C-alpha atoms as a PDB file:
ATOM      1  CA  UNK A   1     -26.162  21.208 -10.891  1.00  0.00           C
ATOM      2  CA  UNK A   2     -23.722  19.937  -8.261  1.00  0.00           C
ATOM      3  CA  UNK A   3     -23.424  16.139  -8.010  1.00  0.00           C
ATOM      4  CA  UNK A   4     -24.771  14.326  -4.968  1.00  0.00           C
ATOM      5  CA  UNK A   5     -21.975  12.555  -3.075  1.00  0.00           C
ATOM      6  CA  UNK A   6     -22.082   9.541  -0.752  1.00  0.00           C
ATOM      7  CA  UNK A   7     -19.308   8.184   1.483  1.00  0.00           C
ATOM      8  CA  UNK A   8     -18.651   4.447   1.623  1.00  0.00           C
ATOM      9  CA  UNK A   9     -16.379   3.860   4.621  1.00  0.00           C
ATOM     10  CA  UNK A  10     -17.154   7.014   6.589  1.00  0.00           C
ATOM     11  CA  UNK A  11     -15.137   5.878   9.641  1.00  0.00           C
ATOM     12  CA  UNK A  12     -11.945   6.472   7.635  1.00  0.00           C
ATOM     13  CA  UNK A  13      -9.784   9.292   9.007  1.00  0.00           C
ATOM     14  CA  UNK A  14      -9.969  11.168   5.706  1.00  0.00           C
ATOM     15  CA  UNK A  15     -13.771  11.416   5.784  1.00  0.00           C
ATOM     16  CA  UNK A  16     -13.815  14.706   7.771  1.00  0.00           C
ATOM     17  CA  UNK A  17     -11.305  16.184   5.321  1.00  0.00           C
ATOM     18  CA  UNK A  18     -13.418  15.216   2.320  1.00  0.00           C
ATOM     19  CA  UNK A  19     -16.565  16.478   4.027  1.00  0.00           C
ATOM     20  CA  UNK A  20     -14.925  19.839   4.726  1.00  0.00           C
ATOM     21  CA  UNK A  21     -13.786  20.145   1.104  1.00  0.00           C
ATOM     22  CA  UNK A  22     -17.219  19.273  -0.291  1.00  0.00           C
ATOM     23  CA  UNK A  23     -18.862  21.748   2.075  1.00  0.00           C
ATOM     24  CA  UNK A  24     -16.460  24.458   0.901  1.00  0.00           C
ATOM     25  CA  UNK A  25     -17.258  23.606  -2.724  1.00  0.00           C
ATOM     26  CA  UNK A  26     -21.003  23.632  -2.054  1.00  0.00           C
ATOM     27  CA  UNK A  27     -21.471  19.994  -3.030  1.00  0.00           C
ATOM     28  CA  UNK A  28     -24.245  18.074  -1.224  1.00  0.00           C
ATOM     29  CA  UNK A  29     -23.406  14.931   0.761  1.00  0.00           C
ATOM     30  CA  UNK A  30     -26.416  12.646   0.819  1.00  0.00           C
ATOM     31  CA  UNK A  31     -25.398   9.524   2.726  1.00  0.00           C
ATOM     32  CA  UNK A  32     -22.715   7.461   4.407  1.00  0.00           C
ATOM     33  CA  UNK A  33     -22.038   3.882   5.382  1.00  0.00           C
ATOM     34  CA  UNK A  34     -19.440   1.816   7.211  1.00  0.00           C
ATOM     35  CA  UNK A  35     -19.266  -1.853   8.226  1.00  0.00           C
ATOM     36  CA  UNK A  36     -18.158  -0.695  11.684  1.00  0.00           C
ATOM     37  CA  UNK A  37     -21.579   0.473  12.850  1.00  0.00           C
ATOM     38  CA  UNK A  38     -20.433   2.192  16.051  1.00  0.00           C
ATOM     39  CA  UNK A  39     -17.497   4.075  14.492  1.00  0.00           C
ATOM     40  CA  UNK A  40     -19.513   4.914  11.397  1.00  0.00           C
ATOM     41  CA  UNK A  41     -22.494   6.196  13.372  1.00  0.00           C
ATOM     42  CA  UNK A  42     -20.233   8.402  15.492  1.00  0.00           C
ATOM     43  CA  UNK A  43     -18.351   9.827  12.512  1.00  0.00           C
ATOM     44  CA  UNK A  44     -21.512  10.426  10.482  1.00  0.00           C
ATOM     45  CA  UNK A  45     -23.063  12.259  13.425  1.00  0.00           C
ATOM     46  CA  UNK A  46     -20.021  14.541  13.687  1.00  0.00           C
ATOM     47  CA  UNK A  47     -20.246  15.305   9.976  1.00  0.00           C
ATOM     48  CA  UNK A  48     -24.025  15.721   9.931  1.00  0.00           C
ATOM     49  CA  UNK A  49     -24.512  12.881   7.435  1.00  0.00           C
ATOM     50  CA  UNK A  50     -27.295  10.303   7.181  1.00  0.00           C
ATOM     51  CA  UNK A  51     -25.883   6.884   8.093  1.00  0.00           C
ATOM     52  CA  UNK A  52     -26.748   3.310   7.193  1.00  0.00           C
ATOM     53  CA  UNK A  53     -24.248   0.559   8.042  1.00  0.00           C
ATOM     54  CA  UNK A  54     -25.113  -1.465   4.936  1.00  0.00           C
ATOM     55  CA  UNK A  55     -23.582   0.295   1.917  1.00  0.00           C
ATOM     56  CA  UNK A  56     -26.016  -1.203  -0.571  1.00  0.00           C
ATOM     57  CA  UNK A  57     -29.060  -0.017   1.360  1.00  0.00           C
ATOM     58  CA  UNK A  58     -27.507   3.417   1.813  1.00  0.00           C
ATOM     59  CA  UNK A  59     -26.765   3.788  -1.895  1.00  0.00           C
ATOM     60  CA  UNK A  60     -30.277   2.691  -2.861  1.00  0.00           C
ATOM     61  CA  UNK A  61     -31.816   5.203  -0.458  1.00  0.00           C
ATOM     62  CA  UNK A  62     -29.448   8.148  -1.029  1.00  0.00           C
ATOM     63  CA  UNK A  63     -29.165   7.686  -4.830  1.00  0.00           C
ATOM     64  CA  UNK A  64     -25.841   9.554  -5.155  1.00  0.00           C
ATOM     65  CA  UNK A  65     -24.314  10.618  -8.442  1.00  0.00           C
ATOM     66  CA  UNK A  66     -20.756   9.975  -7.262  1.00  0.00           C
ATOM     67  CA  UNK A  67     -19.112   8.089  -4.390  1.00  0.00           C
ATOM     68  CA  UNK A  68     -16.009   8.497  -2.263  1.00  0.00           C
ATOM     69  CA  UNK A  69     -14.940   5.006  -1.196  1.00  0.00           C
ATOM     70  CA  UNK A  70     -12.604   4.720   1.806  1.00  0.00           C
ATOM     71  CA  UNK A  71     -12.170   1.042   2.701  1.00  0.00           C
ATOM     72  CA  UNK A  72     -10.174  -0.547   5.452  1.00  0.00           C
ATOM     73  CA  UNK A  73      -7.295  -1.939   3.422  1.00  0.00           C
ATOM     74  CA  UNK A  74      -8.135  -5.606   3.952  1.00  0.00           C
ATOM     75  CA  UNK A  75     -11.792  -4.951   3.100  1.00  0.00           C
ATOM     76  CA  UNK A  76     -11.319  -3.149  -0.202  1.00  0.00           C
ATOM     77  CA  UNK A  77     -13.275  -5.598  -2.357  1.00  0.00           C
ATOM     78  CA  UNK A  78     -16.064  -5.786   0.226  1.00  0.00           C
ATOM     79  CA  UNK A  79     -16.421  -1.984   0.132  1.00  0.00           C
ATOM     80  CA  UNK A  80     -16.211  -1.785  -3.651  1.00  0.00           C
ATOM     81  CA  UNK A  81     -18.819  -4.475  -4.396  1.00  0.00           C
ATOM     82  CA  UNK A  82     -22.028  -2.454  -3.762  1.00  0.00           C
ATOM     83  CA  UNK A  83     -20.625   0.536  -5.633  1.00  0.00           C
ATOM     84  CA  UNK A  84     -19.658  -1.596  -8.633  1.00  0.00           C
ATOM     85  CA  UNK A  85     -23.023  -3.394  -8.567  1.00  0.00           C
ATOM     86  CA  UNK A  86     -24.756  -0.011  -8.970  1.00  0.00           C
ATOM     87  CA  UNK A  87     -22.184   1.214 -11.505  1.00  0.00           C
ATOM     88  CA  UNK A  88     -21.490   4.410  -9.602  1.00  0.00           C
ATOM     89  CA  UNK A  89     -18.431   6.539 -10.412  1.00  0.00           C
ATOM     90  CA  UNK A  90     -15.930   6.851  -7.601  1.00  0.00           C
ATOM     91  CA  UNK A  91     -12.870   8.332  -6.028  1.00  0.00           C
ATOM     92  CA  UNK A  92     -11.338   5.438  -4.085  1.00  0.00           C
ATOM     93  CA  UNK A  93      -8.730   5.663  -1.349  1.00  0.00           C
ATOM     94  CA  UNK A  94      -5.420   3.884  -1.787  1.00  0.00           C
ATOM     95  CA  UNK A  95      -3.995   1.248  -1.452  1.00  0.00           C
ATOM     96  CA  UNK A  96      -6.925  -0.939  -2.685  1.00  0.00           C
ATOM     97  CA  UNK A  97      -5.713  -3.884  -0.599  1.00  0.00           C
ATOM     98  CA  UNK A  98      -3.041  -5.037   1.840  1.00  0.00           C
ATOM     99  CA  UNK A  99      -0.645  -6.027  -0.950  1.00  0.00           C
ATOM    100  CA  UNK A 100      -0.145  -5.847  -4.679  1.00  0.00           C
ATOM    101  CA  UNK A 101      -2.200  -8.952  -5.407  1.00  0.00           C
ATOM    102  CA  UNK A 102      -5.254  -7.570  -3.635  1.00  0.00           C
ATOM    103  CA  UNK A 103      -4.766  -4.119  -5.135  1.00  0.00           C
ATOM    104  CA  UNK A 104      -4.515  -5.594  -8.633  1.00  0.00           C
ATOM    105  CA  UNK A 105      -7.691  -7.619  -8.078  1.00  0.00           C
ATOM    106  CA  UNK A 106      -9.527  -4.494  -6.905  1.00  0.00           C
ATOM    107  CA  UNK A 107      -8.287  -2.507  -9.890  1.00  0.00           C
ATOM    108  CA  UNK A 108      -9.316  -5.226 -12.334  1.00  0.00           C
ATOM    109  CA  UNK A 109     -12.800  -5.438 -10.800  1.00  0.00           C
ATOM    110  CA  UNK A 110     -13.228  -1.670 -11.138  1.00  0.00           C
ATOM    111  CA  UNK A 111     -11.951  -1.671 -14.717  1.00  0.00           C
ATOM    112  CA  UNK A 112     -14.172  -4.631 -15.666  1.00  0.00           C
ATOM    113  CA  UNK A 113     -17.227  -2.694 -14.497  1.00  0.00           C
ATOM    114  CA  UNK A 114     -16.499   0.096 -16.978  1.00  0.00           C
ATOM    115  CA  UNK A 115     -17.287   2.828 -14.462  1.00  0.00           C
ATOM    116  CA  UNK A 116     -15.309   6.054 -14.115  1.00  0.00           C
ATOM    117  CA  UNK A 117     -12.891   5.717 -11.198  1.00  0.00           C
ATOM    118  CA  UNK A 118      -9.800   7.459  -9.900  1.00  0.00           C
ATOM    119  CA  UNK A 119      -7.448   6.515  -7.073  1.00  0.00           C
ATOM    120  CA  UNK A 120      -6.830   9.032  -4.300  1.00  0.00           C
ATOM    121  CA  UNK A 121      -3.188   9.791  -5.085  1.00  0.00           C
ATOM    122  CA  UNK A 122      -3.089  13.383  -3.880  1.00  0.00           C
ATOM    123  CA  UNK A 123       0.523  14.116  -4.785  1.00  0.00           C
ATOM    124  CA  UNK A 124      -0.215  13.698  -8.496  1.00  0.00           C
ATOM    125  CA  UNK A 125      -1.832  17.127  -8.249  1.00  0.00           C
ATOM    126  CA  UNK A 126       1.222  18.905  -6.870  1.00  0.00           C
ATOM    127  CA  UNK A 127       2.556  21.932  -8.715  1.00  0.00           C
ATOM    128  CA  UNK A 128       5.871  20.244  -9.560  1.00  0.00           C
ATOM    129  CA  UNK A 129       4.245  17.977 -12.146  1.00  0.00           C
ATOM    130  CA  UNK A 130       2.534  20.828 -13.987  1.00  0.00           C
ATOM    131  CA  UNK A 131       5.837  22.646 -14.458  1.00  0.00           C
ATOM    132  CA  UNK A 132       7.849  19.527 -15.233  1.00  0.00           C
ATOM    133  CA  UNK A 133       5.340  18.352 -17.851  1.00  0.00           C
ATOM    134  CA  UNK A 134       5.274  21.821 -19.433  1.00  0.00           C
ATOM    135  CA  UNK A 135       9.070  21.838 -19.770  1.00  0.00           C
ATOM    136  CA  UNK A 136       8.990  18.317 -21.167  1.00  0.00           C
ATOM    137  CA  UNK A 137       6.475  19.366 -23.837  1.00  0.00           C
ATOM    138  CA  UNK A 138       8.578  22.427 -24.644  1.00  0.00           C
ATOM    139  CA  UNK A 139      11.722  20.324 -24.985  1.00  0.00           C
ATOM    140  CA  UNK A 140      13.572  22.256 -22.252  1.00  0.00           C
ATOM    141  CA  UNK A 141      13.591  19.701 -19.436  1.00  0.00           C
ATOM    142  CA  UNK A 142      16.665  17.829 -20.586  1.00  0.00           C
ATOM    143  CA  UNK A 143      17.714  14.582 -18.904  1.00  0.00           C
ATOM    144  CA  UNK A 144      16.345  13.678 -15.476  1.00  0.00           C
ATOM    145  CA  UNK A 145      19.338  12.649 -13.372  1.00  0.00           C
ATOM    146  CA  UNK A 146      17.916  11.923  -9.954  1.00  0.00           C
ATOM    147  CA  UNK A 147      14.929  12.485  -7.656  1.00  0.00           C
ATOM    148  CA  UNK A 148      14.133  12.435  -3.969  1.00  0.00           C
ATOM    149  CA  UNK A 149      10.628  12.063  -2.562  1.00  0.00           C
ATOM    150  CA  UNK A 150      10.093  12.397   1.205  1.00  0.00           C
ATOM    151  CA  UNK A 151       6.810  12.293   3.093  1.00  0.00           C
ATOM    152  CA  UNK A 152       7.072  12.113   6.889  1.00  0.00           C
ATOM    153  CA  UNK A 153       4.048  12.598   9.138  1.00  0.00           C
ATOM    154  CA  UNK A 154       3.442  12.576  12.873  1.00  0.00           C
ATOM    155  CA  UNK A 155       3.715   9.731  15.403  1.00  0.00           C
ATOM    156  CA  UNK A 156       1.614   6.591  14.841  1.00  0.00           C
ATOM    157  CA  UNK A 157      -0.501   7.115  17.969  1.00  0.00           C
ATOM    158  CA  UNK A 158      -2.695   9.414  15.896  1.00  0.00           C
ATOM    159  CA  UNK A 159      -4.368   6.399  14.300  1.00  0.00           C
ATOM    160  CA  UNK A 160      -5.811   4.979  17.541  1.00  0.00           C
ATOM    161  CA  UNK A 161      -6.691   8.567  18.493  1.00  0.00           C
ATOM    162  CA  UNK A 162      -8.689   8.820  15.259  1.00  0.00           C
ATOM    163  CA  UNK A 163     -10.472   5.528  15.906  1.00  0.00           C
ATOM    164  CA  UNK A 164      -8.587   3.618  13.190  1.00  0.00           C
ATOM    165  CA  UNK A 165      -6.165   1.611  15.302  1.00  0.00           C
ATOM    166  CA  UNK A 166      -6.281  -1.090  12.624  1.00  0.00           C
ATOM    167  CA  UNK A 167      -3.740   1.027  10.726  1.00  0.00           C
ATOM    168  CA  UNK A 168      -1.117  -0.332  13.163  1.00  0.00           C
ATOM    169  CA  UNK A 169      -2.133  -3.965  12.532  1.00  0.00           C
ATOM    170  CA  UNK A 170      -0.270  -5.193   9.417  1.00  0.00           C
ATOM    171  CA  UNK A 171      -2.760  -7.945   8.606  1.00  0.00           C
ATOM    172  CA  UNK A 172      -5.431  -5.247   8.216  1.00  0.00           C
ATOM    173  CA  UNK A 173      -3.386  -2.307   6.908  1.00  0.00           C
ATOM    174  CA  UNK A 174      -0.745  -4.102   4.860  1.00  0.00           C
ATOM    175  CA  UNK A 175       2.095  -2.215   6.550  1.00  0.00           C
ATOM    176  CA  UNK A 176       3.076   1.058   8.095  1.00  0.00           C
ATOM    177  CA  UNK A 177       4.600   4.258   6.784  1.00  0.00           C
ATOM    178  CA  UNK A 178       5.686   2.731   3.471  1.00  0.00           C
ATOM    179  CA  UNK A 179       2.275   1.268   2.637  1.00  0.00           C
ATOM    180  CA  UNK A 180       0.348   4.335   3.781  1.00  0.00           C
ATOM    181  CA  UNK A 181       2.623   7.258   2.850  1.00  0.00           C
ATOM    182  CA  UNK A 182       5.442   5.803   0.779  1.00  0.00           C
ATOM    183  CA  UNK A 183       2.956   4.711  -1.859  1.00  0.00           C
ATOM    184  CA  UNK A 184       2.865   8.357  -2.967  1.00  0.00           C
ATOM    185  CA  UNK A 185       6.650   8.400  -3.376  1.00  0.00           C
ATOM    186  CA  UNK A 186       6.574   5.064  -5.205  1.00  0.00           C
ATOM    187  CA  UNK A 187       3.906   6.399  -7.548  1.00  0.00           C
ATOM    188  CA  UNK A 188       5.910   9.577  -8.124  1.00  0.00           C
ATOM    189  CA  UNK A 189       8.961   7.675  -9.344  1.00  0.00           C
ATOM    190  CA  UNK A 190       6.876   5.313 -11.461  1.00  0.00           C
ATOM    191  CA  UNK A 191       5.380   8.394 -13.123  1.00  0.00           C
ATOM    192  CA  UNK A 192       8.795   9.986 -13.580  1.00  0.00           C
ATOM    193  CA  UNK A 193      10.452   6.798 -14.821  1.00  0.00           C
ATOM    194  CA  UNK A 194       7.690   5.766 -17.198  1.00  0.00           C
ATOM    195  CA  UNK A 195       6.594   2.739 -15.203  1.00  0.00           C
ATOM    196  CA  UNK A 196       9.725   0.566 -15.002  1.00  0.00           C
ATOM    197  CA  UNK A 197      11.633   0.749 -11.715  1.00  0.00           C
ATOM    198  CA  UNK A 198      14.244  -1.413  -9.983  1.00  0.00           C
ATOM    199  CA  UNK A 199      14.710  -1.586  -6.205  1.00  0.00           C
ATOM    200  CA  UNK A 200      18.428  -1.346  -5.389  1.00  0.00           C
ATOM    201  CA  UNK A 201      18.295  -1.216  -1.582  1.00  0.00           C
ATOM    202  CA  UNK A 202      15.772  -0.650   1.204  1.00  0.00           C
ATOM    203  CA  UNK A 203      15.509  -0.386   4.972  1.00  0.00           C
ATOM    204  CA  UNK A 204      12.686  -0.322   7.523  1.00  0.00           C
ATOM    205  CA  UNK A 205      12.811   0.711  11.190  1.00  0.00           C
ATOM    206  CA  UNK A 206      10.579  -0.291  14.108  1.00  0.00           C
ATOM    207  CA  UNK A 207      12.769   0.498  17.112  1.00  0.00           C
ATOM    208  CA  UNK A 208      11.286   3.789  18.393  1.00  0.00           C
ATOM    209  CA  UNK A 209       7.702   2.641  18.916  1.00  0.00           C
ATOM    210  CA  UNK A 210       8.133  -1.143  18.800  1.00  0.00           C
ATOM    211  CA  UNK A 211       5.077  -1.602  16.596  1.00  0.00           C
ATOM    212  CA  UNK A 212       4.477  -4.455  14.154  1.00  0.00           C
ATOM    213  CA  UNK A 213       4.284  -1.867  11.348  1.00  0.00           C
ATOM    214  CA  UNK A 214       7.338   0.158  10.321  1.00  0.00           C
ATOM    215  CA  UNK A 215       7.726   3.722  11.583  1.00  0.00           C
ATOM    216  CA  UNK A 216      10.164   4.677   8.802  1.00  0.00           C
ATOM    217  CA  UNK A 217      11.117   3.308   5.409  1.00  0.00           C
ATOM    218  CA  UNK A 218      13.711   4.332   2.875  1.00  0.00           C
ATOM    219  CA  UNK A 219      14.631   2.897  -0.507  1.00  0.00           C
ATOM    220  CA  UNK A 220      17.033   3.470  -3.369  1.00  0.00           C
ATOM    221  CA  UNK A 221      15.414   3.001  -6.768  1.00  0.00           C
ATOM    222  CA  UNK A 222      16.539   3.312 -10.373  1.00  0.00           C
ATOM    223  CA  UNK A 223      15.014   3.415 -13.840  1.00  0.00           C
ATOM    224  CA  UNK A 224      16.278   1.607 -16.972  1.00  0.00           C
ATOM    225  CA  UNK A 225      17.542   4.949 -18.300  1.00  0.00           C
ATOM    226  CA  UNK A 226      19.786   5.388 -15.259  1.00  0.00           C
ATOM    227  CA  UNK A 227      17.744   7.868 -13.223  1.00  0.00           C
ATOM    228  CA  UNK A 228      18.284   7.316  -9.501  1.00  0.00           C
ATOM    229  CA  UNK A 229      15.704   7.986  -6.796  1.00  0.00           C
ATOM    230  CA  UNK A 230      15.598   7.875  -3.024  1.00  0.00           C
ATOM    231  CA  UNK A 231      12.308   7.753  -1.179  1.00  0.00           C
ATOM    232  CA  UNK A 232      11.564   8.245   2.508  1.00  0.00           C
ATOM    233  CA  UNK A 233       8.304   7.653   4.365  1.00  0.00           C
ATOM    234  CA  UNK A 234       7.802   7.906   8.076  1.00  0.00           C
ATOM    235  CA  UNK A 235       5.618   8.208  11.126  1.00  0.00           C
ATOM    236  CA  UNK A 236       8.658   9.955  12.573  1.00  0.00           C
ATOM    237  CA  UNK A 237       7.779  13.648  12.793  1.00  0.00           C
ATOM    238  CA  UNK A 238       7.874  14.488  16.489  1.00  0.00           C
ATOM    239  CA  UNK A 239       4.586  16.421  16.518  1.00  0.00           C
ATOM    240  CA  UNK A 240       1.435  16.774  14.477  1.00  0.00           C
ATOM    241  CA  UNK A 241       2.163  17.974  10.971  1.00  0.00           C
ATOM    242  CA  UNK A 242       5.023  16.657   8.918  1.00  0.00           C
ATOM    243  CA  UNK A 243       7.900  17.076   6.499  1.00  0.00           C
ATOM    244  CA  UNK A 244       7.188  16.953   2.785  1.00  0.00           C
ATOM    245  CA  UNK A 245       9.799  17.419   0.077  1.00  0.00           C
ATOM    246  CA  UNK A 246       9.752  16.478  -3.604  1.00  0.00           C
ATOM    247  CA  UNK A 247      13.046  17.059  -5.518  1.00  0.00           C
ATOM    248  CA  UNK A 248      13.746  16.361  -9.180  1.00  0.00           C
ATOM    249  CA  UNK A 249      17.098  17.185 -10.786  1.00  0.00           C
ATOM    250  CA  UNK A 250      17.252  17.482 -14.566  1.00  0.00           C
ATOM    251  CA  UNK A 251      19.831  19.071 -16.818  1.00  0.00           C
ATOM    252  CA  UNK A 252      17.265  21.722 -17.739  1.00  0.00           C
ATOM    253  CA  UNK A 253      16.015  22.589 -14.235  1.00  0.00           C
ATOM    254  CA  UNK A 254      16.236  21.739 -10.543  1.00  0.00           C
ATOM    255  CA  UNK A 255      12.818  21.403  -8.891  1.00  0.00           C
ATOM    256  CA  UNK A 256      12.116  21.527  -5.163  1.00  0.00           C
ATOM    257  CA  UNK A 257       8.589  21.442  -3.756  1.00  0.00           C
ATOM    258  CA  UNK A 258       7.720  21.609  -0.072  1.00  0.00           C
ATOM    259  CA  UNK A 259       4.341  22.021   1.594  1.00  0.00           C
ATOM    260  CA  UNK A 260       4.732  25.796   1.286  1.00  0.00           C
ATOM    261  CA  UNK A 261       6.576  26.555  -1.947  1.00  0.00           C
ATOM    262  CA  UNK A 262       7.817  25.259  -5.293  1.00  0.00           C
ATOM    263  CA  UNK A 263      11.158  26.571  -6.574  1.00  0.00           C
ATOM    264  CA  UNK A 264      12.671  25.926  -9.983  1.00  0.00           C
ATOM    265  CA  UNK A 265      16.299  26.850 -10.681  1.00  0.00           C
ATOM    266  CA  UNK A 266      16.987  27.255 -14.399  1.00  0.00           C
ATOM    267  CA  UNK A 267      20.401  26.789 -16.084  1.00  0.00           C
ATOM    268  CA  UNK A 268      20.808  30.550 -16.552  1.00  0.00           C
ATOM    269  CA  UNK A 269      20.496  31.024 -12.778  1.00  0.00           C
ATOM    270  CA  UNK A 270      16.940  32.316 -12.884  1.00  0.00           C
ATOM    271  CA  UNK A 271      14.851  31.240  -9.873  1.00  0.00           C
ATOM    272  CA  UNK A 272      11.148  30.643 -10.441  1.00  0.00           C
ATOM    273  CA  UNK A 273       8.909  30.347  -7.379  1.00  0.00           C
ATOM    274  CA  UNK A 274       5.280  29.445  -6.748  1.00  0.00           C
ATOM    275  CA  UNK A 275       3.538  29.556  -3.385  1.00  0.00           C
ATOM    276  CA  UNK A 276       1.497  26.472  -2.510  1.00  0.00           C
ATOM    277  CA  UNK A 277      -2.075  27.333  -1.451  1.00  0.00           C
ATOM    278  CA  UNK A 278      -2.891  26.643   2.198  1.00  0.00           C
ATOM    279  CA  UNK A 279      -5.748  24.261   1.530  1.00  0.00           C
ATOM    280  CA  UNK A 280      -6.177  20.543   2.274  1.00  0.00           C
ATOM    281  CA  UNK A 281      -3.897  18.508   0.009  1.00  0.00           C
ATOM    282  CA  UNK A 282      -6.938  16.490  -1.065  1.00  0.00           C
ATOM    283  CA  UNK A 283      -8.812  19.526  -2.415  1.00  0.00           C
ATOM    284  CA  UNK A 284      -7.125  19.812  -5.848  1.00  0.00           C
ATOM    285  CA  UNK A 285      -7.619  16.073  -6.279  1.00  0.00           C
ATOM    286  CA  UNK A 286     -11.333  16.245  -5.408  1.00  0.00           C
ATOM    287  CA  UNK A 287     -11.874  19.215  -7.708  1.00  0.00           C
ATOM    288  CA  UNK A 288     -10.037  17.493 -10.555  1.00  0.00           C
ATOM    289  CA  UNK A 289     -11.879  14.213 -10.036  1.00  0.00           C
ATOM    290  CA  UNK A 290     -15.312  15.808 -10.206  1.00  0.00           C
ATOM    291  CA  UNK A 291     -14.360  17.989 -13.185  1.00  0.00           C
ATOM    292  CA  UNK A 292     -12.765  15.095 -15.098  1.00  0.00           C
ATOM    293  CA  UNK A 293     -15.710  12.794 -14.417  1.00  0.00           C
ATOM    294  CA  UNK A 294     -18.242  15.436 -15.497  1.00  0.00           C
ATOM    295  CA  UNK A 295     -16.291  16.112 -18.697  1.00  0.00           C
ATOM    296  CA  UNK A 296     -15.694  12.445 -19.485  1.00  0.00           C
ATOM    297  CA  UNK A 297     -11.928  12.861 -19.274  1.00  0.00           C
ATOM    298  CA  UNK A 298      -9.404  10.223 -18.239  1.00  0.00           C
ATOM    299  CA  UNK A 299      -8.852  10.097 -14.450  1.00  0.00           C
ATOM    300  CA  UNK A 300      -5.696  11.722 -13.095  1.00  0.00           C
ATOM    301  CA  UNK A 301      -4.690   8.401 -11.519  1.00  0.00           C
ATOM    302  CA  UNK A 302      -6.019   5.150 -12.915  1.00  0.00           C
ATOM    303  CA  UNK A 303      -6.724   2.443 -10.359  1.00  0.00           C
ATOM    304  CA  UNK A 304      -4.258   0.220 -12.231  1.00  0.00           C
ATOM    305  CA  UNK A 305      -1.562   2.838 -11.608  1.00  0.00           C
ATOM    306  CA  UNK A 306      -2.360   2.747  -7.896  1.00  0.00           C
ATOM    307  CA  UNK A 307      -1.916  -1.036  -8.029  1.00  0.00           C
ATOM    308  CA  UNK A 308       1.459  -0.520  -9.749  1.00  0.00           C
ATOM    309  CA  UNK A 309       2.586   1.625  -6.798  1.00  0.00           C
ATOM    310  CA  UNK A 310       1.380  -1.017  -4.328  1.00  0.00           C
ATOM    311  CA  UNK A 311       3.387  -3.625  -6.260  1.00  0.00           C
ATOM    312  CA  UNK A 312       6.487  -1.435  -6.018  1.00  0.00           C
ATOM    313  CA  UNK A 313       5.966  -1.086  -2.260  1.00  0.00           C
ATOM    314  CA  UNK A 314       5.791  -4.902  -2.063  1.00  0.00           C
ATOM    315  CA  UNK A 315       9.181  -5.102  -3.767  1.00  0.00           C
ATOM    316  CA  UNK A 316      10.613  -2.536  -1.342  1.00  0.00           C
ATOM    317  CA  UNK A 317       9.335  -4.596   1.591  1.00  0.00           C
ATOM    318  CA  UNK A 318      10.937  -7.686   0.071  1.00  0.00           C
ATOM    319  CA  UNK A 319      14.256  -5.889  -0.433  1.00  0.00           C
ATOM    320  CA  UNK A 320      14.249  -4.648   3.162  1.00  0.00           C
END
């Protein structure tokens, strides 16, 4: 039987994406809540979901099996509290707070509850990791020399257009492109480097839009083993859409993944390719989360690992 899902924080811009995925998968959505009553009511109506502003009341009425929690960044603990009180499993949107301290507190509260929880780090489900991990297990990967992770999306005006203008207010969002998008790149290098990363240099830009949050961020990172990494995150794509590129160079293979294709060049010159399915990037994550929870497996991204990536973003901000 398919689990019953409820949304906590339905005014979040990802809610329509999650709703579309769940509808495609045939999974019932039984309720929604949001502390912003007007925005939540409007979003829930668009999605055809029952709405109750108070999350606790909604959860008691809807009695979901699983929750998708999408808090405004500065209200993460407030959104988590009713879910933790009812010990409901969850997929929770990053970054769990406006900085590493808040994210760590959120992660510790979730872990202390003992419930099953995964952080919404979509890029952990990209094809590049499956192939890289397989080569690592086979002993053919060799030494990782360097990596480059770029995620650039459209102009920042899309957030007010989506009714989440708070994303451009740093006291509520915790930052701009680095906090929102660069967290995926930070997490990618933490995963690749085994958790220990140094920030060598960083830069932020604000000059195109003049906003209090950065429109572009770049950083040079390194691991104790000597692996170098550059990351780029931006609200600097000139139109809707974006530019996504994950590169990892090892002595045993050169990996390049874009939104459309993964290519792997092997030392003998052989080129391996894999087309990336044209589905929402959140769909593999949602499918994995529900399957892992049902099977009692470890989440693909622990909430503590999300907090680690937020901490690394803090250090990049400090370096810039």
